[in-house]
């Protein structure tokens, strides 16, 4: 199992049944915004370590099972399928792009 797949599986388990949120965005959208922003501001790290730190942050902060499943699915599909997979989640969250996932 790749490091990305392991971290995504950990993120899925860390979510558990914890759901909810407040604010204008629905919980899934909040999670997607958090996922897409993960790793920003860590230019002091090499790119691979930045990804690892981003995945750790996501595992600690993800709140919805749907977003956790999204990350686990992202890790398990082939690189050529990822753009279409991400597009569906971004459309649901009403986001135009995801800088973190664009790097993969």
N, C-alpha and C. Protein backbone atom coordinates (compact mmCIF):
# COMPACT_ATOMS: atom_id res chain seq x y z
N UNK A 1 0.86 -1.18 0.00
CA UNK A 1 0.00 0.00 0.00
C UNK A 1 0.90 1.24 0.00
N UNK A 2 0.60 2.17 -0.87
CA UNK A 2 1.43 3.37 -0.97
C UNK A 2 1.23 4.25 0.25
N UNK A 3 2.14 5.16 0.45
CA UNK A 3 2.05 6.09 1.57
C UNK A 3 0.79 6.94 1.45
N UNK A 4 0.45 7.39 0.23
CA UNK A 4 -0.76 8.18 0.01
C UNK A 4 -1.99 7.37 0.38
N UNK A 5 -2.04 6.12 -0.04
CA UNK A 5 -3.19 5.28 0.27
C UNK A 5 -3.30 5.05 1.77
N UNK A 6 -2.17 4.84 2.43
CA UNK A 6 -2.18 4.65 3.88
C UNK A 6 -2.69 5.87 4.60
N UNK A 7 -2.22 7.03 4.19
CA UNK A 7 -2.66 8.26 4.85
C UNK A 7 -4.14 8.53 4.57
N UNK A 8 -4.60 8.25 3.37
CA UNK A 8 -6.01 8.46 3.05
C UNK A 8 -6.88 7.50 3.84
N UNK A 9 -6.43 6.25 3.99
CA UNK A 9 -7.19 5.30 4.79
C UNK A 9 -7.24 5.76 6.24
N UNK A 10 -6.14 6.28 6.75
CA UNK A 10 -6.12 6.82 8.10
C UNK A 10 -7.09 7.98 8.23
N UNK A 11 -7.15 8.84 7.22
CA UNK A 11 -8.09 9.96 7.25
C UNK A 11 -9.51 9.46 7.30
N UNK A 12 -9.80 8.40 6.56
CA UNK A 12 -11.15 7.84 6.56
C UNK A 12 -11.50 7.28 7.93
N UNK A 13 -10.56 6.60 8.57
CA UNK A 13 -10.82 6.05 9.89
C UNK A 13 -10.93 7.14 10.94
N UNK A 14 -10.14 8.19 10.81
CA UNK A 14 -10.15 9.27 11.80
C UNK A 14 -11.49 9.98 11.84
N UNK A 15 -12.18 9.98 10.73
CA UNK A 15 -13.47 10.65 10.69
C UNK A 15 -14.47 9.97 11.59
N UNK A 16 -14.55 8.67 11.53
CA UNK A 16 -15.53 7.95 12.33
C UNK A 16 -16.92 8.44 12.06
N UNK A 17 -17.70 8.61 13.10
CA UNK A 17 -19.08 9.08 12.95
C UNK A 17 -19.19 10.57 13.20
N UNK A 18 -18.08 11.23 13.43
CA UNK A 18 -18.11 12.65 13.75
C UNK A 18 -18.49 13.45 12.51
N UNK A 19 -19.60 14.12 12.59
CA UNK A 19 -20.08 14.95 11.50
C UNK A 19 -20.62 16.24 12.09
N UNK A 20 -20.85 17.17 11.25
CA UNK A 20 -21.45 18.42 11.72
C UNK A 20 -20.63 19.58 11.27
N UNK A 21 -21.04 20.75 11.66
CA UNK A 21 -20.34 21.97 11.30
C UNK A 21 -21.26 23.15 11.37
N UNK A 22 -20.69 24.30 11.30
CA UNK A 22 -21.48 25.53 11.36
C UNK A 22 -20.99 26.45 10.27
N UNK A 23 -21.70 27.51 10.07
CA UNK A 23 -21.29 28.49 9.08
C UNK A 23 -22.14 28.37 7.83
N UNK A 24 -21.77 29.13 6.83
CA UNK A 24 -22.55 29.20 5.61
C UNK A 24 -22.40 27.94 4.75
N UNK A 25 -21.24 27.30 4.79
CA UNK A 25 -21.00 26.12 3.97
C UNK A 25 -21.51 24.86 4.66
N UNK A 26 -21.97 23.91 3.85
CA UNK A 26 -22.35 22.62 4.43
C UNK A 26 -21.07 21.90 4.88
N UNK A 27 -21.18 20.90 5.75
CA UNK A 27 -19.99 20.23 6.28
C UNK A 27 -19.07 19.63 5.22
N UNK A 28 -19.64 19.05 4.16
CA UNK A 28 -18.79 18.49 3.11
C UNK A 28 -17.98 19.58 2.43
N UNK A 29 -18.62 20.71 2.13
CA UNK A 29 -17.91 21.83 1.50
C UNK A 29 -16.81 22.34 2.41
N UNK A 30 -17.08 22.43 3.71
CA UNK A 30 -16.05 22.85 4.66
C UNK A 30 -14.87 21.89 4.61
N UNK A 31 -15.16 20.60 4.60
CA UNK A 31 -14.08 19.61 4.52
C UNK A 31 -13.30 19.73 3.22
N UNK A 32 -13.99 19.91 2.10
CA UNK A 32 -13.30 20.03 0.82
C UNK A 32 -12.42 21.28 0.79
N UNK A 33 -12.89 22.38 1.35
CA UNK A 33 -12.05 23.58 1.43
C UNK A 33 -10.82 23.32 2.28
N UNK A 34 -10.99 22.61 3.39
CA UNK A 34 -9.86 22.28 4.25
C UNK A 34 -8.89 21.37 3.52
N UNK A 35 -9.40 20.36 2.83
CA UNK A 35 -8.56 19.43 2.08
C UNK A 35 -7.75 20.18 1.03
N UNK A 36 -8.42 21.04 0.29
CA UNK A 36 -7.75 21.75 -0.80
C UNK A 36 -6.70 22.75 -0.31
N UNK A 37 -6.87 23.24 0.91
CA UNK A 37 -5.91 24.20 1.46
C UNK A 37 -4.80 23.52 2.26
N UNK A 38 -4.93 22.24 2.52
CA UNK A 38 -3.94 21.54 3.34
C UNK A 38 -2.56 21.63 2.69
N UNK A 39 -1.57 21.86 3.51
CA UNK A 39 -0.19 21.94 3.03
C UNK A 39 0.26 23.31 2.59
N UNK A 40 -0.68 24.25 2.47
CA UNK A 40 -0.29 25.60 2.07
C UNK A 40 0.50 26.26 3.20
N UNK A 41 1.46 27.07 2.82
CA UNK A 41 2.29 27.75 3.80
C UNK A 41 3.43 26.90 4.33
N UNK A 42 3.65 25.74 3.75
CA UNK A 42 4.73 24.86 4.19
C UNK A 42 5.81 24.76 3.12
N UNK A 43 6.17 25.90 2.56
CA UNK A 43 7.20 25.93 1.53
C UNK A 43 8.58 25.58 2.07
N UNK A 44 8.69 25.49 3.41
CA UNK A 44 9.96 25.12 4.02
C UNK A 44 10.25 23.63 3.88
N UNK A 45 9.25 22.86 3.46
CA UNK A 45 9.41 21.41 3.32
C UNK A 45 9.55 21.01 1.86
N UNK A 46 10.26 19.92 1.60
CA UNK A 46 10.30 19.38 0.23
C UNK A 46 8.88 18.95 -0.17
N UNK A 47 8.57 18.93 -1.47
CA UNK A 47 7.21 18.62 -1.92
C UNK A 47 6.63 17.33 -1.34
N UNK A 48 7.40 16.26 -1.29
CA UNK A 48 6.88 14.99 -0.77
C UNK A 48 6.52 15.11 0.71
N UNK A 49 7.35 15.78 1.49
CA UNK A 49 7.05 15.96 2.92
C UNK A 49 5.85 16.90 3.10
N UNK A 50 5.71 17.86 2.21
CA UNK A 50 4.55 18.76 2.26
C UNK A 50 3.26 17.97 2.09
N UNK A 51 3.29 17.00 1.18
CA UNK A 51 2.12 16.14 0.96
C UNK A 51 1.82 15.30 2.21
N UNK A 52 2.86 14.74 2.81
CA UNK A 52 2.68 13.93 4.02
C UNK A 52 2.07 14.79 5.13
N UNK A 53 2.61 15.98 5.33
CA UNK A 53 2.08 16.88 6.35
C UNK A 53 0.64 17.27 6.04
N UNK A 54 0.33 17.50 4.77
CA UNK A 54 -1.03 17.84 4.37
C UNK A 54 -1.98 16.69 4.70
N UNK A 55 -1.57 15.47 4.39
CA UNK A 55 -2.43 14.31 4.67
C UNK A 55 -2.62 14.10 6.17
N UNK A 56 -1.59 14.35 6.96
CA UNK A 56 -1.74 14.27 8.42
C UNK A 56 -2.75 15.30 8.91
N UNK A 57 -2.64 16.50 8.39
CA UNK A 57 -3.57 17.57 8.76
C UNK A 57 -5.00 17.21 8.39
N UNK A 58 -5.18 16.66 7.20
CA UNK A 58 -6.52 16.25 6.76
C UNK A 58 -7.07 15.18 7.70
N UNK A 59 -6.25 14.19 8.03
CA UNK A 59 -6.69 13.12 8.93
C UNK A 59 -7.13 13.67 10.28
N UNK A 60 -6.44 14.70 10.77
CA UNK A 60 -6.79 15.30 12.06
C UNK A 60 -8.05 16.15 11.99
N UNK A 61 -8.34 16.74 10.83
CA UNK A 61 -9.40 17.74 10.75
C UNK A 61 -10.67 17.31 10.03
N UNK A 62 -10.63 16.25 9.25
CA UNK A 62 -11.81 15.86 8.46
C UNK A 62 -12.97 15.55 9.40
N UNK A 63 -14.15 16.02 9.02
CA UNK A 63 -15.32 15.86 9.89
C UNK A 63 -16.40 14.98 9.29
N UNK A 64 -16.47 14.89 7.98
CA UNK A 64 -17.56 14.13 7.36
C UNK A 64 -17.08 12.80 6.80
N UNK A 65 -17.89 11.76 6.97
CA UNK A 65 -17.54 10.48 6.36
C UNK A 65 -17.41 10.59 4.84
N UNK A 66 -18.22 11.45 4.24
CA UNK A 66 -18.19 11.60 2.78
C UNK A 66 -16.82 12.12 2.31
N UNK A 67 -16.28 13.11 3.00
CA UNK A 67 -14.96 13.64 2.63
C UNK A 67 -13.87 12.62 2.91
N UNK A 68 -14.01 11.88 4.01
CA UNK A 68 -13.02 10.84 4.31
C UNK A 68 -13.05 9.75 3.24
N UNK A 69 -14.25 9.36 2.80
CA UNK A 69 -14.36 8.37 1.72
C UNK A 69 -13.78 8.93 0.42
N UNK A 70 -14.01 10.22 0.18
CA UNK A 70 -13.45 10.85 -1.02
C UNK A 70 -11.93 10.70 -1.02
N UNK A 71 -11.29 11.01 0.10
CA UNK A 71 -9.83 10.92 0.16
C UNK A 71 -9.36 9.48 0.01
N UNK A 72 -10.05 8.53 0.62
CA UNK A 72 -9.67 7.13 0.48
C UNK A 72 -9.82 6.69 -0.97
N UNK A 73 -10.89 7.12 -1.62
CA UNK A 73 -11.09 6.79 -3.03
C UNK A 73 -10.04 7.42 -3.92
N UNK A 74 -9.67 8.65 -3.62
CA UNK A 74 -8.65 9.35 -4.40
C UNK A 74 -7.34 8.56 -4.39
N UNK A 75 -7.02 8.01 -3.23
CA UNK A 75 -5.77 7.26 -3.11
C UNK A 75 -5.81 5.93 -3.84
N UNK A 76 -7.01 5.39 -4.05
CA UNK A 76 -7.09 4.05 -4.62
C UNK A 76 -7.29 4.01 -6.13
N UNK A 77 -7.51 5.15 -6.77
CA UNK A 77 -7.73 5.14 -8.22
C UNK A 77 -6.45 5.48 -8.97
N UNK A 78 -6.46 5.17 -10.24
CA UNK A 78 -5.26 5.42 -11.05
C UNK A 78 -5.12 6.93 -11.29
N UNK A 79 -3.89 7.38 -11.50
CA UNK A 79 -3.67 8.80 -11.75
C UNK A 79 -4.49 9.36 -12.91
N UNK A 80 -4.72 8.57 -13.96
CA UNK A 80 -5.47 9.10 -15.10
C UNK A 80 -6.96 9.24 -14.79
N UNK A 81 -7.46 8.58 -13.76
CA UNK A 81 -8.87 8.69 -13.37
C UNK A 81 -9.12 9.80 -12.36
N UNK A 82 -8.06 10.34 -11.79
CA UNK A 82 -8.21 11.29 -10.68
C UNK A 82 -8.89 12.59 -11.08
N UNK A 83 -8.61 13.11 -12.25
CA UNK A 83 -9.20 14.40 -12.64
C UNK A 83 -10.72 14.32 -12.65
N UNK A 84 -11.27 13.26 -13.22
CA UNK A 84 -12.72 13.10 -13.25
C UNK A 84 -13.28 12.88 -11.85
N UNK A 85 -12.56 12.11 -11.05
CA UNK A 85 -12.99 11.83 -9.67
C UNK A 85 -13.04 13.12 -8.85
N UNK A 86 -12.01 13.93 -8.96
CA UNK A 86 -11.94 15.19 -8.21
C UNK A 86 -13.00 16.16 -8.71
N UNK A 87 -13.23 16.18 -10.02
CA UNK A 87 -14.19 17.12 -10.60
C UNK A 87 -15.57 16.98 -9.96
N UNK A 88 -16.03 15.76 -9.76
CA UNK A 88 -17.34 15.54 -9.15
C UNK A 88 -17.43 16.11 -7.74
N UNK A 89 -16.40 15.89 -6.94
CA UNK A 89 -16.40 16.40 -5.57
C UNK A 89 -16.32 17.92 -5.55
N UNK A 90 -15.50 18.49 -6.45
CA UNK A 90 -15.38 19.95 -6.50
C UNK A 90 -16.70 20.58 -6.92
N UNK A 91 -17.39 19.97 -7.88
CA UNK A 91 -18.69 20.50 -8.30
C UNK A 91 -19.68 20.46 -7.15
N UNK A 92 -19.70 19.36 -6.42
CA UNK A 92 -20.62 19.25 -5.28
C UNK A 92 -20.33 20.32 -4.23
N UNK A 93 -19.05 20.61 -4.00
CA UNK A 93 -18.65 21.60 -3.00
C UNK A 93 -18.64 23.02 -3.57
N UNK A 94 -18.96 23.15 -4.87
CA UNK A 94 -18.97 24.45 -5.56
C UNK A 94 -17.60 25.12 -5.50
N UNK A 95 -16.56 24.32 -5.73
CA UNK A 95 -15.19 24.83 -5.79
C UNK A 95 -14.69 24.67 -7.22
N UNK A 96 -13.84 25.59 -7.65
CA UNK A 96 -13.35 25.52 -9.03
C UNK A 96 -12.08 24.69 -9.17
N UNK A 97 -11.29 24.60 -8.13
CA UNK A 97 -10.06 23.81 -8.20
C UNK A 97 -9.59 23.44 -6.80
N UNK A 98 -8.63 22.54 -6.74
CA UNK A 98 -8.09 22.08 -5.48
C UNK A 98 -6.57 22.01 -5.60
N UNK A 99 -5.87 23.04 -5.12
CA UNK A 99 -4.41 23.08 -5.28
C UNK A 99 -3.69 21.83 -4.77
N UNK A 100 -4.10 21.30 -3.64
CA UNK A 100 -3.42 20.12 -3.11
C UNK A 100 -3.56 18.94 -4.06
N UNK A 101 -4.76 18.66 -4.50
CA UNK A 101 -4.99 17.49 -5.34
C UNK A 101 -4.48 17.70 -6.76
N UNK A 102 -4.35 18.95 -7.19
CA UNK A 102 -3.77 19.24 -8.51
C UNK A 102 -2.32 18.75 -8.58
N UNK A 103 -1.65 18.68 -7.43
CA UNK A 103 -0.24 18.28 -7.38
C UNK A 103 -0.05 16.79 -7.64
N UNK A 104 -1.09 16.01 -7.46
CA UNK A 104 -0.99 14.57 -7.68
C UNK A 104 -1.42 14.28 -9.07
